[in-house]
């Protein structure tokens, strides 16, 4: 049975290393882009290695291919963990934005009520 890391738990608890360091919300985007680019580079490298191993039928090339696939898997696990961490920050940000919008609507409704009350006082 595979262990799953709860959101916010260090990947080292799973025997994995972390390929990223995030200190702010903007860092998540930067790190996701960086890891994504690295994954594509590793996949391209693994495909080159696979092509070489097919031509040469070398055992070393085949082992290198599987080693690179393990690296890609490790990087994808890091991206998955980073996305799970980002979800909590994104939810908090969405709640703050919704509360700000609600506060603005309430202020506008209060102004409308105050103006209606002022008009009613002048009419009487």
PDB file of N, CA and C in Angstrom:
ATOM      1  N   UNK A   1       0.831  -1.178   0.000  1.00  0.00           N
ATOM      2  CA  UNK A   1       0.000   0.000   0.000  1.00  0.00           C
ATOM      3  C   UNK A   1       0.875   1.241   0.000  1.00  0.00           C
ATOM      4  N   UNK A   2       0.593   2.167  -0.888  1.00  0.00           N
ATOM      5  CA  UNK A   2       1.383   3.380  -0.995  1.00  0.00           C
ATOM      6  C   UNK A   2       0.917   4.390   0.046  1.00  0.00           C
ATOM      7  N   UNK A   3       1.890   5.110   0.598  1.00  0.00           N
ATOM      8  CA  UNK A   3       1.566   6.169   1.541  1.00  0.00           C
ATOM      9  C   UNK A   3       1.237   7.433   0.768  1.00  0.00           C
ATOM     10  N   UNK A   4       0.265   8.176   1.248  1.00  0.00           N
ATOM     11  CA  UNK A   4      -0.092   9.454   0.647  1.00  0.00           C
ATOM     12  C   UNK A   4       0.290  10.562   1.613  1.00  0.00           C
ATOM     13  N   UNK A   5       0.858  11.618   1.049  1.00  0.00           N
ATOM     14  CA  UNK A   5       1.237  12.759   1.893  1.00  0.00           C
ATOM     15  C   UNK A   5       0.050  13.686   2.029  1.00  0.00           C
ATOM     16  N   UNK A   6      -0.366  13.973   3.270  1.00  0.00           N
ATOM     17  CA  UNK A   6      -1.421  14.962   3.452  1.00  0.00           C
ATOM     18  C   UNK A   6      -0.945  16.327   2.970  1.00  0.00           C
ATOM     19  N   UNK A   7      -1.892  17.187   2.670  1.00  0.00           N
ATOM     20  CA  UNK A   7      -1.551  18.514   2.192  1.00  0.00           C
ATOM     21  C   UNK A   7      -0.671  19.201   3.223  1.00  0.00           C
ATOM     22  N   UNK A   8       0.431  19.758   2.757  1.00  0.00           N
ATOM     23  CA  UNK A   8       1.334  20.477   3.629  1.00  0.00           C
ATOM     24  C   UNK A   8       2.415  19.600   4.241  1.00  0.00           C
ATOM     25  N   UNK A   9       2.305  18.280   4.129  1.00  0.00           N
ATOM     26  CA  UNK A   9       3.321  17.403   4.694  1.00  0.00           C
ATOM     27  C   UNK A   9       4.526  17.353   3.768  1.00  0.00           C
ATOM     28  N   UNK A  10       5.691  17.275   4.359  1.00  0.00           N
ATOM     29  CA  UNK A  10       6.924  17.211   3.607  1.00  0.00           C
ATOM     30  C   UNK A  10       7.006  15.876   2.865  1.00  0.00           C
ATOM     31  N   UNK A  11       7.500  15.914   1.642  1.00  0.00           N
ATOM     32  CA  UNK A  11       7.623  14.699   0.845  1.00  0.00           C
ATOM     33  C   UNK A  11       8.663  13.743   1.416  1.00  0.00           C
ATOM     34  N   UNK A  12       9.531  14.233   2.264  1.00  0.00           N
ATOM     35  CA  UNK A  12      10.546  13.357   2.844  1.00  0.00           C
ATOM     36  C   UNK A  12       9.905  12.277   3.724  1.00  0.00           C
ATOM     37  N   UNK A  13       8.691  12.532   4.189  1.00  0.00           N
ATOM     38  CA  UNK A  13       7.968  11.526   4.973  1.00  0.00           C
ATOM     39  C   UNK A  13       7.629  10.310   4.114  1.00  0.00           C
ATOM     40  N   UNK A  14       7.573  10.509   2.801  1.00  0.00           N
ATOM     41  CA  UNK A  14       7.298   9.411   1.877  1.00  0.00           C
ATOM     42  C   UNK A  14       8.572   8.819   1.293  1.00  0.00           C
ATOM     43  N   UNK A  15       9.707   9.291   1.753  1.00  0.00           N
ATOM     44  CA  UNK A  15      10.964   8.823   1.185  1.00  0.00           C
ATOM     45  C   UNK A  15      11.296   9.554  -0.107  1.00  0.00           C
ATOM     46  N   UNK A  16      10.639  10.681  -0.350  1.00  0.00           N
ATOM     47  CA  UNK A  16      10.871  11.483  -1.550  1.00  0.00           C
ATOM     48  C   UNK A  16      11.505  12.799  -1.131  1.00  0.00           C
ATOM     49  N   UNK A  17      12.249  13.390  -2.024  1.00  0.00           N
ATOM     50  CA  UNK A  17      12.796  14.712  -1.773  1.00  0.00           C
ATOM     51  C   UNK A  17      11.908  15.760  -2.411  1.00  0.00           C
ATOM     52  N   UNK A  18      12.058  16.983  -1.948  1.00  0.00           N
ATOM     53  CA  UNK A  18      11.280  18.081  -2.529  1.00  0.00           C
ATOM     54  C   UNK A  18      12.163  18.816  -3.527  1.00  0.00           C
ATOM     55  N   UNK A  19      11.619  19.044  -4.711  1.00  0.00           N
ATOM     56  CA  UNK A  19      12.344  19.740  -5.758  1.00  0.00           C
ATOM     57  C   UNK A  19      11.984  21.214  -5.811  1.00  0.00           C
ATOM     58  N   UNK A  20      11.221  21.675  -4.854  1.00  0.00           N
ATOM     59  CA  UNK A  20      10.757  23.058  -4.884  1.00  0.00           C
ATOM     60  C   UNK A  20      10.794  23.655  -3.490  1.00  0.00           C
ATOM     61  N   UNK A  21      10.813  24.983  -3.453  1.00  0.00           N
ATOM     62  CA  UNK A  21      10.709  25.717  -2.204  1.00  0.00           C
ATOM     63  C   UNK A  21       9.769  26.882  -2.445  1.00  0.00           C
ATOM     64  N   UNK A  22       8.691  26.930  -1.676  1.00  0.00           N
ATOM     65  CA  UNK A  22       7.658  27.938  -1.877  1.00  0.00           C
ATOM     66  C   UNK A  22       7.529  28.782  -0.616  1.00  0.00           C
ATOM     67  N   UNK A  23       7.639  30.104  -0.806  1.00  0.00           N
ATOM     68  CA  UNK A  23       7.497  31.021   0.328  1.00  0.00           C
ATOM     69  C   UNK A  23       6.309  31.956   0.174  1.00  0.00           C
ATOM     70  N   UNK A  24       5.797  32.083  -1.046  1.00  0.00           N
ATOM     71  CA  UNK A  24       4.654  32.972  -1.274  1.00  0.00           C
ATOM     72  C   UNK A  24       3.765  32.381  -2.357  1.00  0.00           C
ATOM     73  N   UNK A  25       2.609  33.004  -2.533  1.00  0.00           N
ATOM     74  CA  UNK A  25       1.656  32.520  -3.520  1.00  0.00           C
ATOM     75  C   UNK A  25       2.225  32.596  -4.932  1.00  0.00           C
ATOM     76  N   UNK A  26       3.000  33.635  -5.235  1.00  0.00           N
ATOM     77  CA  UNK A  26       3.601  33.786  -6.562  1.00  0.00           C
ATOM     78  C   UNK A  26       4.633  32.692  -6.825  1.00  0.00           C
ATOM     79  N   UNK A  27       5.269  32.203  -5.767  1.00  0.00           N
ATOM     80  CA  UNK A  27       6.269  31.150  -5.922  1.00  0.00           C
ATOM     81  C   UNK A  27       5.657  29.857  -6.469  1.00  0.00           C
ATOM     82  N   UNK A  28       4.394  29.602  -6.152  1.00  0.00           N
ATOM     83  CA  UNK A  28       3.750  28.390  -6.647  1.00  0.00           C
ATOM     84  C   UNK A  28       3.739  28.374  -8.174  1.00  0.00           C
ATOM     85  N   UNK A  29       3.361  29.488  -8.748  1.00  0.00           N
ATOM     86  CA  UNK A  29       3.305  29.561 -10.213  1.00  0.00           C
ATOM     87  C   UNK A  29       4.678  29.385 -10.830  1.00  0.00           C
ATOM     88  N   UNK A  30       5.654  30.051 -10.243  1.00  0.00           N
ATOM     89  CA  UNK A  30       7.026  29.968 -10.753  1.00  0.00           C
ATOM     90  C   UNK A  30       7.534  28.536 -10.662  1.00  0.00           C
ATOM     91  N   UNK A  31       7.328  27.909  -9.517  1.00  0.00           N
ATOM     92  CA  UNK A  31       7.812  26.541  -9.318  1.00  0.00           C
ATOM     93  C   UNK A  31       7.080  25.541 -10.217  1.00  0.00           C
ATOM     94  N   UNK A  32       5.774  25.725 -10.389  1.00  0.00           N
ATOM     95  CA  UNK A  32       5.038  24.818 -11.280  1.00  0.00           C
ATOM     96  C   UNK A  32       5.543  24.926 -12.717  1.00  0.00           C
ATOM     97  N   UNK A  33       5.783  26.156 -13.163  1.00  0.00           N
ATOM     98  CA  UNK A  33       6.313  26.338 -14.516  1.00  0.00           C
ATOM     99  C   UNK A  33       7.697  25.712 -14.650  1.00  0.00           C
ATOM    100  N   UNK A  34       8.530  25.921 -13.636  1.00  0.00           N
ATOM    101  CA  UNK A  34       9.890  25.379 -13.683  1.00  0.00           C
ATOM    102  C   UNK A  34       9.872  23.850 -13.705  1.00  0.00           C
ATOM    103  N   UNK A  35       9.067  23.251 -12.816  1.00  0.00           N
ATOM    104  CA  UNK A  35       8.987  21.792 -12.778  1.00  0.00           C
ATOM    105  C   UNK A  35       8.398  21.231 -14.065  1.00  0.00           C
ATOM    106  N   UNK A  36       7.406  21.909 -14.620  1.00  0.00           N
ATOM    107  CA  UNK A  36       6.802  21.464 -15.871  1.00  0.00           C
ATOM    108  C   UNK A  36       7.845  21.453 -16.994  1.00  0.00           C
ATOM    109  N   UNK A  37       8.630  22.529 -17.062  1.00  0.00           N
ATOM    110  CA  UNK A  37       9.675  22.616 -18.089  1.00  0.00           C
ATOM    111  C   UNK A  37      10.705  21.497 -17.892  1.00  0.00           C
ATOM    112  N   UNK A  38      11.088  21.249 -16.643  1.00  0.00           N
ATOM    113  CA  UNK A  38      12.051  20.187 -16.345  1.00  0.00           C
ATOM    114  C   UNK A  38      11.511  18.817 -16.723  1.00  0.00           C
ATOM    115  N   UNK A  39      10.228  18.602 -16.474  1.00  0.00           N
ATOM    116  CA  UNK A  39       9.617  17.310 -16.833  1.00  0.00           C
ATOM    117  C   UNK A  39       9.685  17.098 -18.339  1.00  0.00           C
ATOM    118  N   UNK A  40       9.334  18.123 -19.111  1.00  0.00           N
ATOM    119  CA  UNK A  40       9.396  17.993 -20.565  1.00  0.00           C
ATOM    120  C   UNK A  40      10.818  17.726 -21.045  1.00  0.00           C
ATOM    121  N   UNK A  41      11.798  18.395 -20.428  1.00  0.00           N
ATOM    122  CA  UNK A  41      13.192  18.168 -20.809  1.00  0.00           C
ATOM    123  C   UNK A  41      13.617  16.732 -20.497  1.00  0.00           C
ATOM    124  N   UNK A  42      13.226  16.236 -19.328  1.00  0.00           N
ATOM    125  CA  UNK A  42      13.583  14.863 -18.948  1.00  0.00           C
ATOM    126  C   UNK A  42      12.902  13.838 -19.847  1.00  0.00           C
ATOM    127  N   UNK A  43      11.652  14.106 -20.233  1.00  0.00           N
ATOM    128  CA  UNK A  43      10.953  13.186 -21.134  1.00  0.00           C
ATOM    129  C   UNK A  43      11.651  13.159 -22.488  1.00  0.00           C
ATOM    130  N   UNK A  44      12.030  14.328 -22.988  1.00  0.00           N
ATOM    131  CA  UNK A  44      12.752  14.378 -24.264  1.00  0.00           C
ATOM    132  C   UNK A  44      14.079  13.638 -24.155  1.00  0.00           C
ATOM    133  N   UNK A  45      14.761  13.815 -23.046  1.00  0.00           N
ATOM    134  CA  UNK A  45      16.030  13.123 -22.831  1.00  0.00           C
ATOM    135  C   UNK A  45      15.823  11.609 -22.752  1.00  0.00           C
ATOM    136  N   UNK A  46      14.759  11.195 -22.074  1.00  0.00           N
ATOM    137  CA  UNK A  46      14.461   9.765 -21.966  1.00  0.00           C
ATOM    138  C   UNK A  46      14.127   9.178 -23.327  1.00  0.00           C
ATOM    139  N   UNK A  47      13.410   9.923 -24.150  1.00  0.00           N
ATOM    140  CA  UNK A  47      13.088   9.438 -25.491  1.00  0.00           C
ATOM    141  C   UNK A  47      14.334   9.319 -26.363  1.00  0.00           C
ATOM    142  N   UNK A  48      15.249  10.271 -26.218  1.00  0.00           N
ATOM    143  CA  UNK A  48      16.521  10.172 -26.941  1.00  0.00           C
ATOM    144  C   UNK A  48      17.286   8.929 -26.506  1.00  0.00           C
ATOM    145  N   UNK A  49      17.298   8.687 -25.215  1.00  0.00           N
ATOM    146  CA  UNK A  49      17.980   7.512 -24.668  1.00  0.00           C
ATOM    147  C   UNK A  49      17.328   6.230 -25.180  1.00  0.00           C
ATOM    148  N   UNK A  50      16.001   6.225 -25.248  1.00  0.00           N
ATOM    149  CA  UNK A  50      15.282   5.062 -25.763  1.00  0.00           C
ATOM    150  C   UNK A  50      15.622   4.823 -27.225  1.00  0.00           C
ATOM    151  N   UNK A  51      15.695   5.902 -27.999  1.00  0.00           N
ATOM    152  CA  UNK A  51      16.045   5.765 -29.415  1.00  0.00           C
ATOM    153  C   UNK A  51      17.454   5.207 -29.561  1.00  0.00           C
ATOM    154  N   UNK A  52      18.387   5.680 -28.732  1.00  0.00           N
ATOM    155  CA  UNK A  52      19.764   5.165 -28.780  1.00  0.00           C
ATOM    156  C   UNK A  52      19.805   3.699 -28.381  1.00  0.00           C
ATOM    157  N   UNK A  53      19.015   3.320 -27.377  1.00  0.00           N
ATOM    158  CA  UNK A  53      19.046   1.933 -26.903  1.00  0.00           C
ATOM    159  C   UNK A  53      18.442   0.982 -27.937  1.00  0.00           C
ATOM    160  N   UNK A  54      17.501   1.460 -28.726  1.00  0.00           N
ATOM    161  CA  UNK A  54      16.907   0.618 -29.772  1.00  0.00           C
ATOM    162  C   UNK A  54      17.916   0.360 -30.894  1.00  0.00           C
ATOM    163  N   UNK A  55      18.709   1.388 -31.201  1.00  0.00           N
ATOM    164  CA  UNK A  55      19.704   1.230 -32.253  1.00  0.00           C
ATOM    165  C   UNK A  55      20.882   0.398 -31.804  1.00  0.00           C
ATOM    166  N   UNK A  56      21.337   0.609 -30.591  1.00  0.00           N
ATOM    167  CA  UNK A  56      22.539  -0.061 -30.099  1.00  0.00           C
ATOM    168  C   UNK A  56      22.212  -1.343 -29.338  1.00  0.00           C
ATOM    169  N   UNK A  57      20.977  -1.470 -28.907  1.00  0.00           N
ATOM    170  CA  UNK A  57      20.552  -2.610 -28.085  1.00  0.00           C
ATOM    171  C   UNK A  57      21.442  -2.773 -26.850  1.00  0.00           C
ATOM    172  N   UNK A  58      21.846  -1.625 -26.308  1.00  0.00           N
ATOM    173  CA  UNK A  58      22.746  -1.664 -25.160  1.00  0.00           C
ATOM    174  C   UNK A  58      21.992  -1.720 -23.849  1.00  0.00           C
ATOM    175  N   UNK A  59      22.505  -2.510 -22.933  1.00  0.00           N
ATOM    176  CA  UNK A  59      21.898  -2.651 -21.614  1.00  0.00           C
ATOM    177  C   UNK A  59      22.053  -1.363 -20.811  1.00  0.00           C
ATOM    178  N   UNK A  60      23.192  -0.709 -20.975  1.00  0.00           N
ATOM    179  CA  UNK A  60      23.432   0.529 -20.237  1.00  0.00           C
ATOM    180  C   UNK A  60      22.452   1.615 -20.668  1.00  0.00           C
ATOM    181  N   UNK A  61      22.184   1.693 -21.964  1.00  0.00           N
ATOM    182  CA  UNK A  61      21.237   2.685 -22.473  1.00  0.00           C
ATOM    183  C   UNK A  61      19.835   2.405 -21.947  1.00  0.00           C
ATOM    184  N   UNK A  62      19.465   1.137 -21.906  1.00  0.00           N
ATOM    185  CA  UNK A  62      18.147   0.757 -21.403  1.00  0.00           C
ATOM    186  C   UNK A  62      18.012   1.109 -19.926  1.00  0.00           C
ATOM    187  N   UNK A  63      19.057   0.855 -19.136  1.00  0.00           N
ATOM    188  CA  UNK A  63      19.027   1.207 -17.720  1.00  0.00           C
ATOM    189  C   UNK A  63      18.949   2.715 -17.535  1.00  0.00           C
ATOM    190  N   UNK A  64      19.646   3.444 -18.401  1.00  0.00           N
ATOM    191  CA  UNK A  64      19.601   4.910 -18.336  1.00  0.00           C
ATOM    192  C   UNK A  64      18.183   5.407 -18.627  1.00  0.00           C
ATOM    193  N   UNK A  65      17.502   4.777 -19.585  1.00  0.00           N
ATOM    194  CA  UNK A  65      16.126   5.148 -19.918  1.00  0.00           C
ATOM    195  C   UNK A  65      15.221   4.976 -18.703  1.00  0.00           C
ATOM    196  N   UNK A  66      15.315   3.828 -18.035  1.00  0.00           N
ATOM    197  CA  UNK A  66      14.466   3.581 -16.874  1.00  0.00           C
ATOM    198  C   UNK A  66      14.832   4.499 -15.709  1.00  0.00           C
ATOM    199  N   UNK A  67      16.101   4.841 -15.584  1.00  0.00           N
ATOM    200  CA  UNK A  67      16.522   5.791 -14.558  1.00  0.00           C
ATOM    201  C   UNK A  67      15.890   7.162 -14.820  1.00  0.00           C
ATOM    202  N   UNK A  68      15.865   7.571 -16.083  1.00  0.00           N
ATOM    203  CA  UNK A  68      15.261   8.851 -16.420  1.00  0.00           C
ATOM    204  C   UNK A  68      13.747   8.824 -16.231  1.00  0.00           C
ATOM    205  N   UNK A  69      13.127   7.680 -16.498  1.00  0.00           N
ATOM    206  CA  UNK A  69      11.688   7.558 -16.241  1.00  0.00           C
ATOM    207  C   UNK A  69      11.389   7.689 -14.750  1.00  0.00           C
ATOM    208  N   UNK A  70      12.247   7.135 -13.915  1.00  0.00           N
ATOM    209  CA  UNK A  70      12.071   7.275 -12.468  1.00  0.00           C
ATOM    210  C   UNK A  70      12.202   8.738 -12.056  1.00  0.00           C
ATOM    211  N   UNK A  71      13.117   9.456 -12.699  1.00  0.00           N
ATOM    212  CA  UNK A  71      13.280  10.875 -12.410  1.00  0.00           C
ATOM    213  C   UNK A  71      12.021  11.641 -12.799  1.00  0.00           C
ATOM    214  N   UNK A  72      11.449  11.304 -13.952  1.00  0.00           N
ATOM    215  CA  UNK A  72      10.205  11.958 -14.389  1.00  0.00           C
ATOM    216  C   UNK A  72       9.089  11.658 -13.394  1.00  0.00           C
ATOM    217  N   UNK A  73       8.999  10.417 -12.952  1.00  0.00           N
ATOM    218  CA  UNK A  73       7.975  10.040 -11.965  1.00  0.00           C
ATOM    219  C   UNK A  73       8.148  10.846 -10.680  1.00  0.00           C
ATOM    220  N   UNK A  74       9.383  10.977 -10.228  1.00  0.00           N
ATOM    221  CA  UNK A  74       9.695  11.743  -9.032  1.00  0.00           C
ATOM    222  C   UNK A  74       9.281  13.203  -9.206  1.00  0.00           C
ATOM    223  N   UNK A  75       9.517  13.762 -10.381  1.00  0.00           N
ATOM    224  CA  UNK A  75       9.153  15.152 -10.651  1.00  0.00           C
ATOM    225  C   UNK A  75       7.634  15.318 -10.699  1.00  0.00           C
ATOM    226  N   UNK A  76       6.930  14.367 -11.281  1.00  0.00           N
ATOM    227  CA  UNK A  76       5.464  14.433 -11.349  1.00  0.00           C
ATOM    228  C   UNK A  76       4.863  14.351  -9.944  1.00  0.00           C
ATOM    229  N   UNK A  77       5.445  13.529  -9.087  1.00  0.00           N
ATOM    230  CA  UNK A  77       4.985  13.444  -7.696  1.00  0.00           C
ATOM    231  C   UNK A  77       5.158  14.796  -7.012  1.00  0.00           C
ATOM    232  N   UNK A  78       6.276  15.466  -7.278  1.00  0.00           N
ATOM    233  CA  UNK A  78       6.509  16.794  -6.707  1.00  0.00           C
ATOM    234  C   UNK A  78       5.489  17.805  -7.227  1.00  0.00           C
ATOM    235  N   UNK A  79       5.163  17.747  -8.518  1.00  0.00           N
ATOM    236  CA  UNK A  79       4.158  18.655  -9.082  1.00  0.00           C
ATOM    237  C   UNK A  79       2.808  18.389  -8.432  1.00  0.00           C
ATOM    238  N   UNK A  80       2.459  17.124  -8.282  1.00  0.00           N
ATOM    239  CA  UNK A  80       1.194  16.749  -7.657  1.00  0.00           C
ATOM    240  C   UNK A  80       1.119  17.294  -6.228  1.00  0.00           C
ATOM    241  N   UNK A  81       2.185  17.145  -5.484  1.00  0.00           N
ATOM    242  CA  UNK A  81       2.230  17.637  -4.105  1.00  0.00           C
ATOM    243  C   UNK A  81       2.144  19.157  -4.073  1.00  0.00           C
ATOM    244  N   UNK A  82       2.842  19.806  -4.990  1.00  0.00           N
ATOM    245  CA  UNK A  82       2.817  21.270  -5.059  1.00  0.00           C
ATOM    246  C   UNK A  82       1.415  21.773  -5.391  1.00  0.00           C
ATOM    247  N   UNK A  83       0.726  21.108  -6.307  1.00  0.00           N
ATOM    248  CA  UNK A  83      -0.648  21.491  -6.644  1.00  0.00           C
ATOM    249  C   UNK A  83      -1.583  21.325  -5.452  1.00  0.00           C
ATOM    250  N   UNK A  84      -1.402  20.249  -4.705  1.00  0.00           N
ATOM    251  CA  UNK A  84      -2.238  20.037  -3.518  1.00  0.00           C
ATOM    252  C   UNK A  84      -1.993  21.122  -2.468  1.00  0.00           C
ATOM    253  N   UNK A  85      -0.737  21.525  -2.306  1.00  0.00           N
ATOM    254  CA  UNK A  85      -0.434  22.621  -1.386  1.00  0.00           C
ATOM    255  C   UNK A  85      -1.058  23.921  -1.876  1.00  0.00           C
ATOM    256  N   UNK A  86      -1.014  24.147  -3.163  1.00  0.00           N
ATOM    257  CA  UNK A  86      -1.527  25.390  -3.748  1.00  0.00           C
ATOM    258  C   UNK A  86      -3.040  25.493  -3.596  1.00  0.00           C
ATOM    259  N   UNK A  87      -3.722  24.358  -3.623  1.00  0.00           N
ATOM    260  CA  UNK A  87      -5.180  24.351  -3.505  1.00  0.00           C
ATOM    261  C   UNK A  87      -5.657  25.043  -2.237  1.00  0.00           C
ATOM    262  N   UNK A  88      -5.000  24.795  -1.132  1.00  0.00           N
ATOM    263  CA  UNK A  88      -5.395  25.411   0.142  1.00  0.00           C
ATOM    264  C   UNK A  88      -5.211  26.927   0.084  1.00  0.00           C
ATOM    265  N   UNK A  89      -4.101  27.375  -0.482  1.00  0.00           N
ATOM    266  CA  UNK A  89      -3.858  28.814  -0.597  1.00  0.00           C
ATOM    267  C   UNK A  89      -4.870  29.457  -1.545  1.00  0.00           C
ATOM    268  N   UNK A  90      -5.177  28.765  -2.613  1.00  0.00           N
ATOM    269  CA  UNK A  90      -6.135  29.286  -3.588  1.00  0.00           C
ATOM    270  C   UNK A  90      -7.524  29.394  -2.962  1.00  0.00           C
ATOM    271  N   UNK A  91      -7.914  28.416  -2.168  1.00  0.00           N
ATOM    272  CA  UNK A  91      -9.227  28.454  -1.514  1.00  0.00           C
ATOM    273  C   UNK A  91      -9.312  29.638  -0.552  1.00  0.00           C
ATOM    274  N   UNK A  92      -8.248  29.854   0.226  1.00  0.00           N
ATOM    275  CA  UNK A  92      -8.244  31.006   1.134  1.00  0.00           C
ATOM    276  C   UNK A  92      -8.344  32.317   0.361  1.00  0.00           C
ATOM    277  N   UNK A  93      -7.628  32.396  -0.733  1.00  0.00           N
ATOM    278  CA  UNK A  93      -7.657  33.607  -1.561  1.00  0.00           C
ATOM    279  C   UNK A  93      -9.050  33.836  -2.140  1.00  0.00           C
ATOM    280  N   UNK A  94      -9.701  32.773  -2.583  1.00  0.00           N
ATOM    281  CA  UNK A  94     -11.063  32.893  -3.121  1.00  0.00           C
ATOM    282  C   UNK A  94     -12.040  33.368  -2.045  1.00  0.00           C
ATOM    283  N   UNK A  95     -11.894  32.847  -0.830  1.00  0.00           N
ATOM    284  CA  UNK A  95     -12.775  33.259   0.266  1.00  0.00           C
ATOM    285  C   UNK A  95     -12.576  34.738   0.587  1.00  0.00           C
ATOM    286  N   UNK A  96     -11.334  35.181   0.629  1.00  0.00           N
ATOM    287  CA  UNK A  96     -11.049  36.592   0.903  1.00  0.00           C
ATOM    288  C   UNK A  96     -11.666  37.465  -0.186  1.00  0.00           C
ATOM    289  N   UNK A  97     -11.506  37.073  -1.461  1.00  0.00           N
ATOM    290  CA  UNK A  97     -12.089  37.843  -2.566  1.00  0.00           C
ATOM    291  C   UNK A  97     -13.611  37.906  -2.467  1.00  0.00           C
ATOM    292  N   UNK A  98     -14.236  36.767  -2.139  1.00  0.00           N
ATOM    293  CA  UNK A  98     -15.695  36.736  -1.996  1.00  0.00           C
ATOM    294  C   UNK A  98     -16.163  37.624  -0.842  1.00  0.00           C
ATOM    295  N   UNK A  99     -15.421  37.611   0.260  1.00  0.00           N
ATOM    296  CA  UNK A  99     -15.793  38.458   1.393  1.00  0.00           C
ATOM    297  C   UNK A  99     -15.636  39.940   1.058  1.00  0.00           C
ATOM    298  N   UNK A 100     -14.612  40.290   0.307  1.00  0.00           N
ATOM    299  CA  UNK A 100     -14.432  41.677  -0.120  1.00  0.00           C
ATOM    300  C   UNK A 100     -15.584  42.125  -1.021  1.00  0.00           C
ATOM    301  N   UNK A 101     -15.995  41.255  -1.946  1.00  0.00           N
ATOM    302  CA  UNK A 101     -17.125  41.581  -2.820  1.00  0.00           C
ATOM    303  C   UNK A 101     -18.408  41.723  -2.010  1.00  0.00           C
ATOM    304  N   UNK A 102     -18.620  40.836  -1.055  1.00  0.00           N
ATOM    305  CA  UNK A 102     -19.807  40.897  -0.205  1.00  0.00           C
ATOM    306  C   UNK A 102     -19.810  42.182   0.620  1.00  0.00           C
ATOM    307  N   UNK A 103     -18.661  42.563   1.141  1.00  0.00           N
ATOM    308  CA  UNK A 103     -18.547  43.805   1.900  1.00  0.00           C
ATOM    309  C   UNK A 103     -18.881  45.008   1.023  1.00  0.00           C
ATOM    310  N   UNK A 104     -18.401  45.010  -0.196  1.00  0.00           N
ATOM    311  CA  UNK A 104     -18.686  46.107  -1.127  1.00  0.00           C
ATOM    312  C   UNK A 104     -20.183  46.185  -1.434  1.00  0.00           C
ATOM    313  N   UNK A 105     -20.812  45.030  -1.662  1.00  0.00           N
ATOM    314  CA  UNK A 105     -22.268  45.015  -1.928  1.00  0.00           C
ATOM    315  C   UNK A 105     -23.041  45.517  -0.717  1.00  0.00           C
ATOM    316  N   UNK A 106     -22.612  45.105   0.471  1.00  0.00           N
ATOM    317  CA  UNK A 106     -23.289  45.559   1.689  1.00  0.00           C
ATOM    318  C   UNK A 106     -23.142  47.063   1.883  1.00  0.00           C
ATOM    319  N   UNK A 107     -21.977  47.607   1.593  1.00  0.00           N
ATOM    320  CA  UNK A 107     -21.768  49.054   1.702  1.00  0.00           C
ATOM    321  C   UNK A 107     -22.670  49.799   0.719  1.00  0.00           C
ATOM    322  N   UNK A 108     -22.779  49.284  -0.499  1.00  0.00           N
ATOM    323  CA  UNK A 108     -23.645  49.920  -1.498  1.00  0.00           C
ATOM    324  C   UNK A 108     -25.110  49.857  -1.073  1.00  0.00           C
ATOM    325  N   UNK A 109     -25.533  48.722  -0.512  1.00  0.00           N
ATOM    326  CA  UNK A 109     -26.911  48.589  -0.039  1.00  0.00           C
ATOM    327  C   UNK A 109     -27.171  49.535   1.137  1.00  0.00           C
ATOM    328  N   UNK A 110     -26.201  49.686   2.009  1.00  0.00           N
ATOM    329  CA  UNK A 110     -26.336  50.586   3.141  1.00  0.00           C
ATOM    330  C   UNK A 110     -26.465  52.040   2.667  1.00  0.00           C
ATOM    331  N   UNK A 111     -25.666  52.420   1.676  1.00  0.00           N
ATOM    332  CA  UNK A 111     -25.759  53.777   1.125  1.00  0.00           C
ATOM    333  C   UNK A 111     -27.134  54.002   0.498  1.00  0.00           C
ATOM    334  N   UNK A 112     -27.639  53.000  -0.208  1.00  0.00           N
ATOM    335  CA  UNK A 112     -28.959  53.117  -0.825  1.00  0.00           C
ATOM    336  C   UNK A 112     -30.036  53.275   0.247  1.00  0.00           C
ATOM    337  N   UNK A 113     -29.941  52.515   1.344  1.00  0.00           N
ATOM    338  CA  UNK A 113     -30.902  52.624   2.438  1.00  0.00           C
ATOM    339  C   UNK A 113     -30.817  53.989   3.122  1.00  0.00           C
ATOM    340  N   UNK A 114     -29.597  54.462   3.336  1.00  0.00           N
ATOM    341  CA  UNK A 114     -29.431  55.771   3.972  1.00  0.00           C
ATOM    342  C   UNK A 114     -30.003  56.882   3.106  1.00  0.00           C
ATOM    343  N   UNK A 115     -29.801  56.798   1.796  1.00  0.00           N
ATOM    344  CA  UNK A 115     -30.360  57.828   0.914  1.00  0.00           C
ATOM    345  C   UNK A 115     -31.891  57.733   0.871  1.00  0.00           C
ATOM    346  N   UNK A 116     -32.432  56.526   0.910  1.00  0.00           N
ATOM    347  CA  UNK A 116     -33.885  56.351   0.927  1.00  0.00           C
ATOM    348  C   UNK A 116     -34.468  56.887   2.244  1.00  0.00           C
ATOM    349  N   UNK A 117     -33.771  56.658   3.356  1.00  0.00           N
ATOM    350  CA  UNK A 117     -34.233  57.175   4.647  1.00  0.00           C
ATOM    351  C   UNK A 117     -34.172  58.703   4.662  1.00  0.00           C
ATOM    352  N   UNK A 118     -33.115  59.269   4.069  1.00  0.00           N
ATOM    353  CA  UNK A 118     -33.010  60.726   3.996  1.00  0.00           C
ATOM    354  C   UNK A 118     -34.118  61.319   3.155  1.00  0.00           C
ATOM    355  N   UNK A 119     -34.447  60.664   2.045  1.00  0.00           N
ATOM    356  CA  UNK A 119     -35.519  61.146   1.190  1.00  0.00           C
ATOM    357  C   UNK A 119     -36.867  61.034   1.903  1.00  0.00           C
ATOM    358  N   UNK A 120     -37.057  59.969   2.687  1.00  0.00           N
ATOM    359  CA  UNK A 120     -38.310  59.782   3.429  1.00  0.00           C
ATOM    360  C   UNK A 120     -38.454  60.843   4.524  1.00  0.00           C
ATOM    361  N   UNK A 121     -37.358  61.195   5.192  1.00  0.00           N
ATOM    362  CA  UNK A 121     -37.407  62.222   6.240  1.00  0.00           C
ATOM    363  C   UNK A 121     -37.752  63.585   5.641  1.00  0.00           C
ATOM    364  N   UNK A 122     -37.203  63.870   4.467  1.00  0.00           N
ATOM    365  CA  UNK A 122     -37.487  65.165   3.821  1.00  0.00           C
ATOM    366  C   UNK A 122     -38.915  65.232   3.340  1.00  0.00           C
ATOM    367  N   UNK A 123     -39.469  64.098   2.934  1.00  0.00           N
ATOM    368  CA  UNK A 123     -40.836  64.058   2.433  1.00  0.00           C
ATOM    369  C   UNK A 123     -41.864  64.238   3.558  1.00  0.00           C
ATOM    370  N   UNK A 124     -41.506  63.865   4.791  1.00  0.00           N
ATOM    371  CA  UNK A 124     -42.476  63.961   5.865  1.00  0.00           C
ATOM    372  C   UNK A 124     -42.417  65.227   6.637  1.00  0.00           C
TER     373      UNK A 124
END
